[in-house]
């Protein structure tokens, strides 16, 4: 919170508490700012996949994940992905994006469609994998510029890394159950 106060050019360390009341309220305000456009992006991508008649695991995951990689700030910094990567492992009760079931209706619809495509995964395991896949994808997006820098001479660009991340996410979510 101190870093935000400094970045905002404030000298009063309690400015955030004054405006938002708490750290949780600040997180909710940031999510509120982004949810409408995120929901619209999910819906647009889902409609594109439906129109193409292609609703596989990869396309559904793409409808959820790709909008997170498109929201970049100056110098390609994935600001919202970085923010979400710090929240991804909060419980649904704690996570500011899940306060209201209606807020991410398209994302919830995609969740249900994914579960239907992967009936061999028990519901609990599906959610464990799904959360891990989202966390992995966000971490990859956050690290994308460093990955590109390290991979100089091997070719590739941000888009190819994003595509690879989606391929890996699809494989991880779709992997068959182990015998244990």
N, C-alpha and C. Protein backbone atom coordinates (compact mmCIF):
# COMPACT_ATOMS: atom_id res chain seq x y z
N UNK A 1 0.84 -1.18 0.00
CA UNK A 1 0.00 0.00 0.00
C UNK A 1 0.89 1.25 0.00
N UNK A 2 2.04 1.16 0.67
CA UNK A 2 2.97 2.28 0.69
C UNK A 2 3.48 2.56 -0.73
N UNK A 3 3.77 1.50 -1.50
CA UNK A 3 4.25 1.68 -2.87
C UNK A 3 3.19 2.38 -3.73
N UNK A 4 1.95 2.05 -3.53
CA UNK A 4 0.88 2.70 -4.29
C UNK A 4 0.80 4.18 -3.93
N UNK A 5 0.90 4.47 -2.65
CA UNK A 5 0.85 5.86 -2.19
C UNK A 5 1.98 6.66 -2.82
N UNK A 6 3.17 6.10 -2.84
CA UNK A 6 4.33 6.79 -3.43
C UNK A 6 4.13 6.97 -4.93
N UNK A 7 3.68 5.90 -5.62
CA UNK A 7 3.46 5.98 -7.07
C UNK A 7 2.39 7.00 -7.42
N UNK A 8 1.43 7.18 -6.54
CA UNK A 8 0.37 8.15 -6.77
C UNK A 8 0.80 9.57 -6.42
N UNK A 9 2.04 9.72 -5.93
CA UNK A 9 2.55 11.04 -5.59
C UNK A 9 1.98 11.60 -4.31
N UNK A 10 1.53 10.71 -3.44
CA UNK A 10 0.96 11.14 -2.17
C UNK A 10 2.02 11.08 -1.08
N UNK A 11 1.94 11.98 -0.16
CA UNK A 11 2.87 11.93 0.97
C UNK A 11 2.19 11.32 2.19
N UNK A 12 0.88 11.24 2.14
CA UNK A 12 0.12 10.71 3.27
C UNK A 12 -0.04 9.20 3.10
N UNK A 13 0.62 8.42 3.95
CA UNK A 13 0.56 6.96 3.85
C UNK A 13 -0.82 6.39 4.12
N UNK A 14 -1.71 7.16 4.69
CA UNK A 14 -3.05 6.64 4.97
C UNK A 14 -4.06 7.07 3.91
N UNK A 15 -3.58 7.61 2.79
CA UNK A 15 -4.48 8.08 1.73
C UNK A 15 -5.33 6.94 1.18
N UNK A 16 -4.74 5.78 0.99
CA UNK A 16 -5.49 4.64 0.45
C UNK A 16 -6.56 4.20 1.44
N UNK A 17 -6.17 4.10 2.69
CA UNK A 17 -7.14 3.71 3.71
C UNK A 17 -8.28 4.72 3.77
N UNK A 18 -7.94 5.99 3.60
CA UNK A 18 -8.97 7.04 3.63
C UNK A 18 -9.95 6.86 2.45
N UNK A 19 -9.43 6.59 1.27
CA UNK A 19 -10.28 6.48 0.08
C UNK A 19 -10.97 5.14 -0.07
N UNK A 20 -10.30 4.07 0.35
CA UNK A 20 -10.85 2.74 0.13
C UNK A 20 -11.26 2.01 1.40
N UNK A 21 -10.72 2.38 2.51
CA UNK A 21 -11.09 1.76 3.77
C UNK A 21 -10.20 0.60 4.18
N UNK A 22 -9.79 -0.22 3.20
CA UNK A 22 -8.97 -1.39 3.53
C UNK A 22 -8.26 -1.87 2.27
N UNK A 23 -7.30 -2.75 2.47
CA UNK A 23 -6.59 -3.35 1.34
C UNK A 23 -7.56 -4.18 0.50
N UNK A 24 -8.46 -4.91 1.14
CA UNK A 24 -9.45 -5.71 0.42
C UNK A 24 -10.34 -4.82 -0.45
N UNK A 25 -10.75 -3.68 0.09
CA UNK A 25 -11.59 -2.76 -0.68
C UNK A 25 -10.83 -2.20 -1.88
N UNK A 26 -9.55 -1.97 -1.72
CA UNK A 26 -8.72 -1.51 -2.84
C UNK A 26 -8.65 -2.59 -3.93
N UNK A 27 -8.42 -3.84 -3.53
CA UNK A 27 -8.37 -4.94 -4.50
C UNK A 27 -9.69 -5.04 -5.24
N UNK A 28 -10.79 -4.91 -4.53
CA UNK A 28 -12.11 -4.98 -5.15
C UNK A 28 -12.31 -3.83 -6.13
N UNK A 29 -11.84 -2.64 -5.79
CA UNK A 29 -11.98 -1.49 -6.68
C UNK A 29 -11.20 -1.70 -7.98
N UNK A 30 -9.99 -2.25 -7.88
CA UNK A 30 -9.19 -2.53 -9.07
C UNK A 30 -9.91 -3.56 -9.94
N UNK A 31 -10.42 -4.61 -9.33
CA UNK A 31 -11.14 -5.64 -10.09
C UNK A 31 -12.40 -5.06 -10.72
N UNK A 32 -13.11 -4.23 -9.98
CA UNK A 32 -14.32 -3.60 -10.52
C UNK A 32 -14.02 -2.81 -11.79
N UNK A 33 -12.86 -2.14 -11.81
CA UNK A 33 -12.47 -1.35 -12.99
C UNK A 33 -12.27 -2.23 -14.21
N UNK A 34 -11.78 -3.43 -14.01
CA UNK A 34 -11.40 -4.28 -15.14
C UNK A 34 -12.43 -5.34 -15.52
N UNK A 35 -13.34 -5.67 -14.63
CA UNK A 35 -14.22 -6.81 -14.88
C UNK A 35 -15.12 -6.65 -16.09
N UNK A 36 -15.65 -5.49 -16.30
CA UNK A 36 -16.57 -5.31 -17.42
C UNK A 36 -15.87 -5.57 -18.76
N UNK A 37 -14.67 -5.00 -18.92
CA UNK A 37 -13.95 -5.22 -20.18
C UNK A 37 -13.44 -6.66 -20.28
N UNK A 38 -13.08 -7.27 -19.17
CA UNK A 38 -12.64 -8.67 -19.18
C UNK A 38 -13.79 -9.58 -19.57
N UNK A 39 -14.95 -9.35 -18.99
CA UNK A 39 -16.14 -10.14 -19.33
C UNK A 39 -16.48 -9.98 -20.81
N UNK A 40 -16.39 -8.77 -21.34
CA UNK A 40 -16.66 -8.54 -22.76
C UNK A 40 -15.66 -9.29 -23.64
N UNK A 41 -14.40 -9.31 -23.23
CA UNK A 41 -13.38 -10.04 -23.99
C UNK A 41 -13.63 -11.54 -23.96
N UNK A 42 -14.01 -12.07 -22.80
CA UNK A 42 -14.35 -13.50 -22.71
C UNK A 42 -15.51 -13.81 -23.66
N UNK A 43 -16.52 -12.98 -23.60
CA UNK A 43 -17.72 -13.20 -24.42
C UNK A 43 -17.39 -13.13 -25.91
N UNK A 44 -16.61 -12.14 -26.32
CA UNK A 44 -16.23 -11.99 -27.72
C UNK A 44 -15.48 -13.22 -28.22
N UNK A 45 -14.51 -13.69 -27.44
CA UNK A 45 -13.72 -14.86 -27.84
C UNK A 45 -14.58 -16.13 -27.88
N UNK A 46 -15.48 -16.27 -26.91
CA UNK A 46 -16.36 -17.44 -26.91
C UNK A 46 -17.27 -17.41 -28.14
N UNK A 47 -17.84 -16.27 -28.45
CA UNK A 47 -18.71 -16.14 -29.63
C UNK A 47 -17.96 -16.45 -30.91
N UNK A 48 -16.69 -16.02 -31.00
CA UNK A 48 -15.86 -16.31 -32.18
C UNK A 48 -15.65 -17.82 -32.31
N UNK A 49 -15.38 -18.49 -31.21
CA UNK A 49 -15.17 -19.95 -31.24
C UNK A 49 -16.48 -20.66 -31.61
N UNK A 50 -17.58 -20.20 -31.06
CA UNK A 50 -18.88 -20.80 -31.39
C UNK A 50 -19.20 -20.61 -32.87
N UNK A 51 -18.96 -19.41 -33.40
CA UNK A 51 -19.24 -19.13 -34.81
C UNK A 51 -18.40 -20.00 -35.73
N UNK A 52 -17.17 -20.30 -35.30
CA UNK A 52 -16.28 -21.15 -36.09
C UNK A 52 -16.62 -22.63 -35.90
N UNK A 53 -17.53 -22.94 -34.98
CA UNK A 53 -17.89 -24.33 -34.71
C UNK A 53 -16.78 -25.10 -34.03
N UNK A 54 -15.95 -24.37 -33.28
CA UNK A 54 -14.79 -24.99 -32.68
C UNK A 54 -14.77 -24.69 -31.17
N UNK A 55 -15.34 -25.60 -30.40
CA UNK A 55 -15.41 -25.40 -28.96
C UNK A 55 -14.70 -26.51 -28.21
N UNK A 56 -13.43 -26.67 -28.51
CA UNK A 56 -12.62 -27.64 -27.80
C UNK A 56 -12.01 -27.02 -26.55
N UNK A 57 -11.25 -27.81 -25.82
CA UNK A 57 -10.62 -27.34 -24.59
C UNK A 57 -9.71 -26.15 -24.88
N UNK A 58 -8.92 -26.23 -25.92
CA UNK A 58 -8.00 -25.14 -26.25
C UNK A 58 -8.74 -23.83 -26.53
N UNK A 59 -9.82 -23.90 -27.28
CA UNK A 59 -10.57 -22.70 -27.63
C UNK A 59 -11.26 -22.10 -26.41
N UNK A 60 -11.79 -22.96 -25.56
CA UNK A 60 -12.43 -22.46 -24.34
C UNK A 60 -11.41 -21.84 -23.38
N UNK A 61 -10.27 -22.52 -23.23
CA UNK A 61 -9.22 -21.93 -22.40
C UNK A 61 -8.72 -20.62 -23.00
N UNK A 62 -8.63 -20.57 -24.32
CA UNK A 62 -8.23 -19.33 -24.99
C UNK A 62 -9.20 -18.19 -24.71
N UNK A 63 -10.48 -18.50 -24.66
CA UNK A 63 -11.48 -17.47 -24.36
C UNK A 63 -11.29 -16.91 -22.95
N UNK A 64 -10.83 -17.77 -22.03
CA UNK A 64 -10.60 -17.32 -20.65
C UNK A 64 -9.24 -16.65 -20.52
N UNK A 65 -8.21 -17.25 -21.07
CA UNK A 65 -6.84 -16.82 -20.79
C UNK A 65 -6.30 -15.73 -21.71
N UNK A 66 -6.59 -15.79 -22.98
CA UNK A 66 -5.97 -14.85 -23.91
C UNK A 66 -6.26 -13.38 -23.60
N UNK A 67 -7.46 -13.02 -23.16
CA UNK A 67 -7.67 -11.61 -22.80
C UNK A 67 -6.70 -11.12 -21.71
N UNK A 68 -6.23 -12.02 -20.88
CA UNK A 68 -5.29 -11.63 -19.82
C UNK A 68 -3.92 -11.28 -20.38
N UNK A 69 -3.58 -11.84 -21.53
CA UNK A 69 -2.28 -11.57 -22.13
C UNK A 69 -2.32 -10.37 -23.07
N UNK A 70 -3.51 -9.88 -23.38
CA UNK A 70 -3.64 -8.75 -24.30
C UNK A 70 -3.60 -7.40 -23.59
N UNK A 71 -3.86 -7.40 -22.31
CA UNK A 71 -3.93 -6.17 -21.53
C UNK A 71 -2.54 -5.80 -21.06
N UNK A 72 -1.85 -5.02 -21.87
CA UNK A 72 -0.48 -4.64 -21.53
C UNK A 72 -0.34 -3.12 -21.44
N UNK A 73 0.57 -2.70 -20.59
CA UNK A 73 0.85 -1.28 -20.43
C UNK A 73 2.07 -0.89 -21.23
N UNK A 74 2.74 0.15 -20.77
CA UNK A 74 3.94 0.63 -21.43
C UNK A 74 4.98 -0.49 -21.50
N UNK A 75 5.69 -0.52 -22.62
CA UNK A 75 6.77 -1.48 -22.83
C UNK A 75 6.31 -2.93 -22.71
N UNK A 76 5.02 -3.18 -22.99
CA UNK A 76 4.51 -4.54 -22.98
C UNK A 76 4.31 -5.15 -21.62
N UNK A 77 4.31 -4.35 -20.57
CA UNK A 77 4.14 -4.87 -19.22
C UNK A 77 2.70 -5.33 -19.03
N UNK A 78 2.51 -6.61 -18.73
CA UNK A 78 1.15 -7.14 -18.54
C UNK A 78 0.61 -6.78 -17.14
N UNK A 79 0.19 -5.56 -16.99
CA UNK A 79 -0.15 -5.01 -15.68
C UNK A 79 -1.23 -5.82 -14.97
N UNK A 80 -2.35 -6.08 -15.66
CA UNK A 80 -3.45 -6.78 -15.00
C UNK A 80 -3.10 -8.24 -14.74
N UNK A 81 -2.37 -8.87 -15.67
CA UNK A 81 -1.93 -10.25 -15.44
C UNK A 81 -1.02 -10.32 -14.21
N UNK A 82 -0.15 -9.34 -14.06
CA UNK A 82 0.73 -9.29 -12.89
C UNK A 82 -0.11 -9.15 -11.61
N UNK A 83 -1.09 -8.29 -11.65
CA UNK A 83 -1.99 -8.10 -10.51
C UNK A 83 -2.73 -9.40 -10.17
N UNK A 84 -3.32 -10.02 -11.20
CA UNK A 84 -4.08 -11.26 -10.97
C UNK A 84 -3.19 -12.41 -10.51
N UNK A 85 -1.93 -12.42 -10.97
CA UNK A 85 -1.03 -13.52 -10.58
C UNK A 85 -0.80 -13.53 -9.08
N UNK A 86 -0.97 -12.39 -8.45
CA UNK A 86 -0.81 -12.32 -7.00
C UNK A 86 -2.09 -12.70 -6.26
N UNK A 87 -3.20 -12.76 -6.99
CA UNK A 87 -4.48 -13.08 -6.36
C UNK A 87 -4.98 -14.48 -6.69
N UNK A 88 -4.36 -15.13 -7.65
CA UNK A 88 -4.90 -16.36 -8.22
C UNK A 88 -5.12 -17.47 -7.19
N UNK A 89 -4.33 -17.49 -6.14
CA UNK A 89 -4.46 -18.59 -5.18
C UNK A 89 -5.31 -18.24 -3.96
N UNK A 90 -5.97 -17.08 -4.01
CA UNK A 90 -6.92 -16.78 -2.94
C UNK A 90 -8.13 -17.70 -3.08
N UNK A 91 -8.76 -18.00 -1.99
CA UNK A 91 -9.98 -18.81 -2.06
C UNK A 91 -11.06 -17.99 -2.75
N UNK A 92 -12.06 -18.66 -3.33
CA UNK A 92 -13.15 -17.90 -3.97
C UNK A 92 -13.82 -16.91 -3.01
N UNK A 93 -13.85 -17.24 -1.74
CA UNK A 93 -14.46 -16.33 -0.76
C UNK A 93 -13.63 -15.06 -0.59
N UNK A 94 -12.32 -15.18 -0.74
CA UNK A 94 -11.42 -14.04 -0.56
C UNK A 94 -11.17 -13.26 -1.85
N UNK A 95 -11.33 -13.91 -2.98
CA UNK A 95 -10.98 -13.31 -4.25
C UNK A 95 -11.99 -12.24 -4.64
N UNK A 96 -11.52 -11.02 -4.91
CA UNK A 96 -12.45 -9.92 -5.21
C UNK A 96 -13.26 -10.11 -6.50
N UNK A 97 -12.79 -10.95 -7.41
CA UNK A 97 -13.52 -11.13 -8.66
C UNK A 97 -14.70 -12.09 -8.52
N UNK A 98 -14.75 -12.82 -7.42
CA UNK A 98 -15.80 -13.82 -7.27
C UNK A 98 -16.86 -13.43 -6.25
N UNK A 99 -16.91 -12.15 -5.90
CA UNK A 99 -17.88 -11.69 -4.91
C UNK A 99 -19.31 -11.87 -5.37
N UNK A 100 -19.54 -11.73 -6.65
CA UNK A 100 -20.89 -11.74 -7.19
C UNK A 100 -20.93 -12.70 -8.37
N UNK A 101 -21.76 -13.71 -8.29
CA UNK A 101 -21.84 -14.74 -9.33
C UNK A 101 -22.14 -14.16 -10.71
N UNK A 102 -22.83 -13.04 -10.76
CA UNK A 102 -23.22 -12.46 -12.06
C UNK A 102 -22.07 -11.73 -12.73
N UNK A 103 -21.02 -11.43 -12.00
CA UNK A 103 -19.95 -10.59 -12.53
C UNK A 103 -19.19 -11.23 -13.69
N UNK A 104 -18.98 -12.50 -13.64
CA UNK A 104 -18.22 -13.19 -14.69
C UNK A 104 -19.06 -14.32 -15.28
N UNK A 105 -20.23 -13.97 -15.75
CA UNK A 105 -21.17 -14.98 -16.26
C UNK A 105 -20.58 -15.79 -17.40
N UNK A 106 -19.89 -15.14 -18.32
CA UNK A 106 -19.31 -15.86 -19.46
C UNK A 106 -18.19 -16.79 -18.98
N UNK A 107 -17.37 -16.32 -18.07
CA UNK A 107 -16.30 -17.17 -17.54
C UNK A 107 -16.89 -18.40 -16.86
N UNK A 108 -17.95 -18.23 -16.12
CA UNK A 108 -18.59 -19.37 -15.46
C UNK A 108 -19.20 -20.34 -16.48
N UNK A 109 -19.74 -19.78 -17.54
CA UNK A 109 -20.28 -20.63 -18.62
C UNK A 109 -19.15 -21.45 -19.25
N UNK A 110 -18.02 -20.81 -19.49
CA UNK A 110 -16.87 -21.50 -20.06
C UNK A 110 -16.37 -22.58 -19.10
N UNK A 111 -16.35 -22.27 -17.81
CA UNK A 111 -15.96 -23.27 -16.79
C UNK A 111 -16.84 -24.52 -16.93
N UNK A 112 -18.14 -24.33 -17.04
CA UNK A 112 -19.08 -25.46 -17.15
C UNK A 112 -18.82 -26.24 -18.44
N UNK A 113 -18.58 -25.53 -19.54
CA UNK A 113 -18.32 -26.20 -20.81
C UNK A 113 -17.03 -27.02 -20.75
N UNK A 114 -16.02 -26.47 -20.10
CA UNK A 114 -14.77 -27.22 -19.93
C UNK A 114 -15.00 -28.49 -19.13
N UNK A 115 -15.76 -28.38 -18.06
CA UNK A 115 -16.05 -29.57 -17.24
C UNK A 115 -16.78 -30.63 -18.07
N UNK A 116 -17.69 -30.20 -18.93
CA UNK A 116 -18.42 -31.14 -19.78
C UNK A 116 -17.49 -31.83 -20.78
N UNK A 117 -16.48 -31.11 -21.26
CA UNK A 117 -15.53 -31.69 -22.21
C UNK A 117 -14.53 -32.64 -21.54
N UNK A 118 -14.41 -32.53 -20.22
CA UNK A 118 -13.45 -33.34 -19.48
C UNK A 118 -14.17 -34.14 -18.39
N UNK A 119 -15.13 -35.00 -18.79
CA UNK A 119 -15.94 -35.70 -17.79
C UNK A 119 -15.16 -36.71 -16.94
N UNK A 120 -13.97 -37.09 -17.40
CA UNK A 120 -13.15 -38.04 -16.64
C UNK A 120 -12.52 -37.40 -15.40
N UNK A 121 -12.54 -36.07 -15.34
CA UNK A 121 -11.97 -35.38 -14.18
C UNK A 121 -13.04 -35.15 -13.12
N UNK A 122 -12.85 -35.71 -11.94
CA UNK A 122 -13.79 -35.38 -10.86
C UNK A 122 -13.80 -33.86 -10.63
N UNK A 123 -14.93 -33.33 -10.21
CA UNK A 123 -15.10 -31.89 -10.07
C UNK A 123 -13.98 -31.24 -9.24
N UNK A 124 -13.63 -31.84 -8.13
CA UNK A 124 -12.58 -31.28 -7.28
C UNK A 124 -11.24 -31.22 -8.00
N UNK A 125 -10.89 -32.28 -8.70
CA UNK A 125 -9.63 -32.31 -9.44
C UNK A 125 -9.66 -31.33 -10.61
N UNK A 126 -10.82 -31.21 -11.25
CA UNK A 126 -10.94 -30.22 -12.32
C UNK A 126 -10.58 -28.84 -11.80
N UNK A 127 -11.13 -28.46 -10.65
CA UNK A 127 -10.86 -27.12 -10.12
C UNK A 127 -9.41 -26.95 -9.67
N UNK A 128 -8.81 -28.00 -9.15
CA UNK A 128 -7.39 -27.91 -8.78
C UNK A 128 -6.56 -27.66 -10.04
N UNK A 129 -6.78 -28.46 -11.06
CA UNK A 129 -6.03 -28.29 -12.30
C UNK A 129 -6.31 -26.92 -12.93
N UNK A 130 -7.56 -26.53 -12.93
CA UNK A 130 -7.94 -25.26 -13.55
C UNK A 130 -7.24 -24.09 -12.88
N UNK A 131 -7.21 -24.09 -11.57
CA UNK A 131 -6.53 -23.02 -10.84
C UNK A 131 -5.03 -23.04 -11.11
N UNK A 132 -4.45 -24.24 -11.15
CA UNK A 132 -3.02 -24.35 -11.45
C UNK A 132 -2.71 -23.87 -12.87
N UNK A 133 -3.56 -24.22 -13.81
CA UNK A 133 -3.38 -23.81 -15.20
C UNK A 133 -3.45 -22.28 -15.31
N UNK A 134 -4.42 -21.68 -14.65
CA UNK A 134 -4.54 -20.23 -14.70
C UNK A 134 -3.32 -19.58 -14.06
N UNK A 135 -2.87 -20.11 -12.93
CA UNK A 135 -1.68 -19.58 -12.28
C UNK A 135 -0.45 -19.70 -13.14
N UNK A 136 -0.29 -20.85 -13.80
CA UNK A 136 0.85 -21.07 -14.68
C UNK A 136 0.80 -20.11 -15.86
N UNK A 137 -0.36 -19.95 -16.44
CA UNK A 137 -0.50 -19.06 -17.59
C UNK A 137 -0.16 -17.62 -17.20
N UNK A 138 -0.71 -17.17 -16.09
CA UNK A 138 -0.42 -15.80 -15.63
C UNK A 138 1.07 -15.61 -15.36
N UNK A 139 1.70 -16.60 -14.73
CA UNK A 139 3.14 -16.52 -14.47
C UNK A 139 3.91 -16.42 -15.78
N UNK A 140 3.51 -17.19 -16.78
CA UNK A 140 4.16 -17.14 -18.08
C UNK A 140 4.00 -15.80 -18.76
N UNK A 141 2.81 -15.22 -18.67
CA UNK A 141 2.57 -13.91 -19.27
C UNK A 141 3.40 -12.84 -18.57
N UNK A 142 3.46 -12.92 -17.25
CA UNK A 142 4.24 -11.95 -16.49
C UNK A 142 5.72 -12.06 -16.86
N UNK A 143 6.20 -13.26 -17.10
CA UNK A 143 7.62 -13.48 -17.41
C UNK A 143 7.92 -13.41 -18.90
N UNK A 144 6.93 -13.19 -19.73
CA UNK A 144 7.08 -13.25 -21.19
C UNK A 144 8.23 -12.38 -21.71
N UNK A 145 8.34 -11.15 -21.24
CA UNK A 145 9.41 -10.28 -21.75
C UNK A 145 10.79 -10.81 -21.36
N UNK A 146 10.92 -11.36 -20.17
CA UNK A 146 12.21 -11.94 -19.75
C UNK A 146 12.51 -13.21 -20.54
N UNK A 147 11.47 -13.98 -20.81
CA UNK A 147 11.65 -15.20 -21.60
C UNK A 147 12.15 -14.83 -22.99
N UNK A 148 11.56 -13.81 -23.59
CA UNK A 148 11.98 -13.37 -24.92
C UNK A 148 13.43 -12.89 -24.91
N UNK A 149 13.79 -12.16 -23.89
CA UNK A 149 15.17 -11.66 -23.78
C UNK A 149 16.15 -12.83 -23.67
N UNK A 150 15.81 -13.81 -22.86
CA UNK A 150 16.68 -14.96 -22.66
C UNK A 150 16.76 -15.84 -23.90
N UNK A 151 15.73 -15.81 -24.73
CA UNK A 151 15.65 -16.69 -25.90
C UNK A 151 16.19 -16.04 -27.17
N UNK A 152 16.88 -14.91 -27.04
CA UNK A 152 17.44 -14.25 -28.24
C UNK A 152 18.29 -15.26 -29.00
N UNK A 153 18.12 -15.23 -30.29
CA UNK A 153 18.87 -16.16 -31.12
C UNK A 153 18.09 -17.43 -31.41
N UNK A 154 17.05 -17.68 -30.64
CA UNK A 154 16.22 -18.86 -30.88
C UNK A 154 14.94 -18.50 -31.63
N UNK A 155 14.78 -17.22 -31.93
CA UNK A 155 13.56 -16.77 -32.61
C UNK A 155 12.42 -16.65 -31.62
N UNK A 156 11.27 -16.45 -32.15
CA UNK A 156 10.09 -16.35 -31.30
C UNK A 156 9.74 -14.92 -30.99
N UNK A 157 8.54 -14.74 -30.57
CA UNK A 157 8.02 -13.43 -30.21
C UNK A 157 6.95 -13.63 -29.15
N UNK A 158 6.43 -12.53 -28.65
CA UNK A 158 5.43 -12.60 -27.58
C UNK A 158 4.25 -13.48 -27.98
N UNK A 159 3.82 -13.36 -29.23
CA UNK A 159 2.67 -14.14 -29.67
C UNK A 159 2.95 -15.66 -29.64
N UNK A 160 4.17 -16.05 -30.04
CA UNK A 160 4.49 -17.48 -30.03
C UNK A 160 4.57 -18.01 -28.60
N UNK A 161 5.06 -17.19 -27.68
CA UNK A 161 5.10 -17.62 -26.27
C UNK A 161 3.69 -17.76 -25.73
N UNK A 162 2.83 -16.80 -26.06
CA UNK A 162 1.44 -16.87 -25.63
C UNK A 162 0.78 -18.12 -26.18
N UNK A 163 1.03 -18.43 -27.45
CA UNK A 163 0.47 -19.63 -28.07
C UNK A 163 0.99 -20.89 -27.38
N UNK A 164 2.28 -20.92 -27.08
CA UNK A 164 2.86 -22.07 -26.38
C UNK A 164 2.25 -22.23 -24.98
N UNK A 165 2.07 -21.11 -24.29
CA UNK A 165 1.45 -21.17 -22.96
C UNK A 165 0.05 -21.76 -23.04
N UNK A 166 -0.71 -21.37 -24.06
CA UNK A 166 -2.06 -21.91 -24.23
C UNK A 166 -2.01 -23.40 -24.54
N UNK A 167 -1.05 -23.82 -25.34
CA UNK A 167 -0.88 -25.25 -25.65
C UNK A 167 -0.55 -26.04 -24.37
N UNK A 168 0.35 -25.51 -23.58
CA UNK A 168 0.73 -26.17 -22.32
C UNK A 168 -0.45 -26.22 -21.36
N UNK A 169 -1.20 -25.12 -21.27
CA UNK A 169 -2.38 -25.07 -20.39
C UNK A 169 -3.41 -26.11 -20.82
N UNK A 170 -3.62 -26.23 -22.12
CA UNK A 170 -4.58 -27.20 -22.65
C UNK A 170 -4.14 -28.62 -22.29
N UNK A 171 -2.86 -28.92 -22.49
CA UNK A 171 -2.34 -30.25 -22.17
C UNK A 171 -2.46 -30.55 -20.68
N UNK A 172 -2.15 -29.58 -19.85
CA UNK A 172 -2.21 -29.79 -18.39
C UNK A 172 -3.64 -30.05 -17.92
N UNK A 173 -4.58 -29.29 -18.45
CA UNK A 173 -5.97 -29.48 -18.02
C UNK A 173 -6.55 -30.79 -18.56
N UNK A 174 -6.13 -31.17 -19.76
CA UNK A 174 -6.70 -32.35 -20.44
C UNK A 174 -5.98 -33.65 -20.12
N UNK A 175 -4.88 -33.60 -19.42
CA UNK A 175 -4.09 -34.81 -19.16
C UNK A 175 -4.95 -35.88 -18.49
N UNK A 176 -4.74 -37.15 -18.91
CA UNK A 176 -5.51 -38.23 -18.30
C UNK A 176 -5.15 -38.39 -16.83
N UNK A 177 -6.05 -39.00 -16.11
CA UNK A 177 -5.81 -39.27 -14.69
C UNK A 177 -4.70 -40.30 -14.54
N UNK A 178 -3.91 -40.15 -13.51
CA UNK A 178 -2.93 -41.18 -13.19
C UNK A 178 -3.64 -42.25 -12.37
N UNK A 179 -3.03 -43.39 -12.25
CA UNK A 179 -3.67 -44.50 -11.56
C UNK A 179 -3.80 -44.28 -10.07
N UNK A 180 -2.96 -43.43 -9.51
CA UNK A 180 -3.01 -43.18 -8.08
C UNK A 180 -4.19 -42.38 -7.80
